[in-house]
Amino acid sequence: MSEYQIIKRVPTVEEYTSLRKFVGWHNMADQPAKKGLGNALFSVCAMQNDKVIGCGRVVGDGSIYFYVQDIIVHPDHQGKGIGKSIMDTIMNYIHSVAEEGAFIGLMAAVDVDKFYQQYGFSKRPENSPGMYMVIKKNI
């Protein structure tokens, strides 16, 4: 991990959309990405030299609701502890600002739940209520 640094900053739109593409996430138009990135409560970038090779951010109300979003590490750099360093930094931020009883949520891919369990996250039971939606528009 010594060749990598975690910097508290918002990734640029280009850095963010490029990382999304590398990990196979859907394409994000520049304007919504810019607005979303700018509205995050907290953002970090994983750097190798001067290049962003990972990122993560927190969205929410800054007091009682927090959602961990966009933990992304470029595939060439996965398995080197970068995701853990990103999450460590994010969780330190959340613990420093969250009120007693705050809700911290995230949506994890099926195969990475154990990664988030080390931070205290639990999977929702199969019969637990909960819903989500994705807005579909022609981009």
Protein backbone atom coordinates (compact mmCIF):
# COMPACT_ATOMS: atom_id res chain seq x y z
CA MET A 1 0.00 0.00 0.00
CA SER A 2 3.00 2.34 0.39
CA GLU A 3 2.99 3.15 -3.32
CA TYR A 4 -0.60 4.39 -2.93
CA GLN A 5 -2.03 7.39 -1.09
CA ILE A 6 -5.57 8.15 0.05
CA ILE A 7 -6.35 11.83 -0.52
CA LYS A 8 -9.47 13.54 0.80
CA ARG A 9 -10.81 15.11 -2.38
CA VAL A 10 -13.59 14.76 -4.94
CA PRO A 11 -12.60 12.88 -8.08
CA THR A 12 -13.02 14.83 -11.29
CA VAL A 13 -15.86 13.81 -13.57
CA GLU A 14 -13.30 12.29 -15.95
CA GLU A 15 -11.62 10.30 -13.17
CA TYR A 16 -14.95 9.08 -11.81
CA THR A 17 -16.50 8.07 -15.13
CA SER A 18 -13.27 6.39 -16.20
CA LEU A 19 -13.16 4.29 -13.01
CA ARG A 20 -16.82 3.35 -13.46
CA LYS A 21 -16.08 2.17 -16.99
CA PHE A 22 -13.08 0.09 -15.89
CA VAL A 23 -15.15 -1.83 -13.33
CA GLY A 24 -18.08 -2.36 -15.70
CA TRP A 25 -20.61 0.00 -14.13
CA HIS A 26 -23.15 1.73 -16.39
CA ASN A 27 -22.13 4.85 -18.26
CA MET A 28 -22.78 8.11 -16.43
CA ALA A 29 -23.28 11.36 -18.32
CA ASP A 30 -20.95 14.19 -17.32
CA GLN A 31 -23.52 16.68 -15.99
CA PRO A 32 -25.27 14.31 -13.55
CA ALA A 33 -21.88 12.98 -12.45
CA LYS A 34 -20.62 16.52 -11.80
CA LYS A 35 -23.70 17.43 -9.77
CA GLY A 36 -23.65 14.18 -7.79
CA LEU A 37 -19.95 14.36 -7.03
CA GLY A 38 -20.29 17.96 -5.90
CA ASN A 39 -23.09 17.10 -3.47
CA ALA A 40 -21.24 14.33 -1.63
CA LEU A 41 -20.62 14.85 2.07
CA PHE A 42 -17.15 13.33 1.88
CA SER A 43 -14.98 11.96 -0.91
CA VAL A 44 -11.60 10.30 -1.18
CA CYS A 45 -9.34 9.32 -4.04
CA ALA A 46 -6.74 6.58 -4.03
CA MET A 47 -3.69 7.82 -5.88
CA GLN A 48 -0.69 6.17 -7.46
CA ASN A 49 1.76 8.91 -8.28
CA ASP A 50 -0.58 11.57 -9.71
CA LYS A 51 -3.20 9.18 -11.10
CA VAL A 52 -6.53 8.32 -9.47
CA ILE A 53 -6.85 4.54 -9.31
CA GLY A 54 -9.74 4.38 -6.84
CA CYS A 55 -12.34 6.45 -5.05
CA GLY A 56 -15.17 6.39 -2.56
CA ARG A 57 -17.69 8.82 -1.20
CA VAL A 58 -20.41 9.36 1.37
CA VAL A 59 -23.80 10.90 0.67
CA GLY A 60 -26.58 11.71 3.09
CA ASP A 61 -27.75 14.39 5.49
CA GLY A 62 -24.52 14.66 7.48
CA SER A 63 -26.03 13.76 10.83
CA ILE A 64 -28.34 10.74 10.99
CA TYR A 65 -28.32 9.21 7.49
CA PHE A 66 -25.19 8.24 5.59
CA TYR A 67 -24.77 6.09 2.50
CA VAL A 68 -21.41 4.74 1.39
CA GLN A 69 -21.26 5.07 -2.39
CA ASP A 70 -18.95 4.30 -5.27
CA ILE A 71 -16.18 2.33 -3.63
CA ILE A 72 -14.25 1.75 -6.84
CA VAL A 73 -10.73 0.42 -7.38
CA HIS A 74 -9.31 0.03 -10.87
CA PRO A 75 -9.04 -3.71 -11.66
CA ASP A 76 -5.25 -3.46 -12.14
CA HIS A 77 -4.94 -2.36 -8.51
CA GLN A 78 -7.50 -4.57 -6.78
CA GLY A 79 -6.38 -6.99 -4.07
CA LYS A 80 -3.71 -4.62 -2.73
CA GLY A 81 -5.60 -3.16 0.24
CA ILE A 82 -6.71 0.00 -1.56
CA GLY A 83 -10.42 -0.64 -1.05
CA LYS A 84 -9.76 -1.24 2.64
CA SER A 85 -7.83 2.02 2.93
CA ILE A 86 -10.66 3.88 1.20
CA MET A 87 -13.23 2.33 3.55
CA ASP A 88 -11.07 2.95 6.63
CA THR A 89 -10.90 6.65 5.74
CA ILE A 90 -14.64 6.81 5.02
CA MET A 91 -15.57 5.04 8.25
CA ASN A 92 -13.29 7.35 10.25
CA TYR A 93 -15.15 10.30 8.73
CA ILE A 94 -18.58 8.81 9.47
CA HIS A 95 -17.66 7.98 13.08
CA SER A 96 -16.38 11.54 13.56
CA VAL A 97 -19.64 13.23 12.45
CA ALA A 98 -22.49 10.74 12.88
CA GLU A 99 -24.95 11.26 15.70
CA GLU A 100 -25.88 8.50 18.14
CA GLY A 101 -28.25 6.10 16.39
CA ALA A 102 -27.26 7.21 12.89
CA PHE A 103 -28.09 4.90 9.98
CA ILE A 104 -25.20 4.00 7.67
CA GLY A 105 -26.24 2.15 4.53
CA LEU A 106 -24.74 0.82 1.35
CA MET A 107 -25.59 -1.44 -1.53
CA ALA A 108 -22.94 -4.08 -2.08
CA ALA A 109 -22.41 -6.49 -4.91
CA VAL A 110 -23.29 -10.07 -4.04
CA ASP A 111 -19.69 -11.25 -3.81
CA VAL A 112 -18.29 -8.47 -1.58
CA ASP A 113 -20.56 -8.57 1.46
CA LYS A 114 -17.80 -10.04 3.67
CA PHE A 115 -15.61 -7.04 2.87
CA TYR A 116 -18.23 -4.69 4.36
CA GLN A 117 -19.06 -6.98 7.28
CA GLN A 118 -15.61 -6.23 8.75
CA TYR A 119 -16.86 -2.65 9.23
CA GLY A 120 -20.02 -3.76 11.04
CA PHE A 121 -22.43 -3.84 8.10
CA SER A 122 -25.01 -6.63 8.06
CA LYS A 123 -26.93 -8.16 5.19
CA ARG A 124 -30.65 -7.57 5.28
CA PRO A 125 -32.62 -10.77 5.85
CA GLU A 126 -34.36 -12.16 2.77
CA ASN A 127 -37.80 -11.24 4.12
CA SER A 128 -36.81 -7.76 5.34
CA PRO A 129 -38.62 -4.78 3.90
CA GLY A 130 -36.66 -2.50 1.67
CA MET A 131 -36.93 -1.18 -1.82
CA TYR A 132 -35.02 0.85 -4.35
CA MET A 133 -35.50 2.22 -7.82
CA VAL A 134 -33.36 3.46 -10.65
CA ILE A 135 -34.60 6.36 -12.76
CA LYS A 136 -34.38 5.52 -16.47
CA LYS A 137 -34.12 8.35 -18.98
CA ASN A 138 -32.55 8.55 -22.38
CA ILE A 139 -29.06 9.92 -21.84
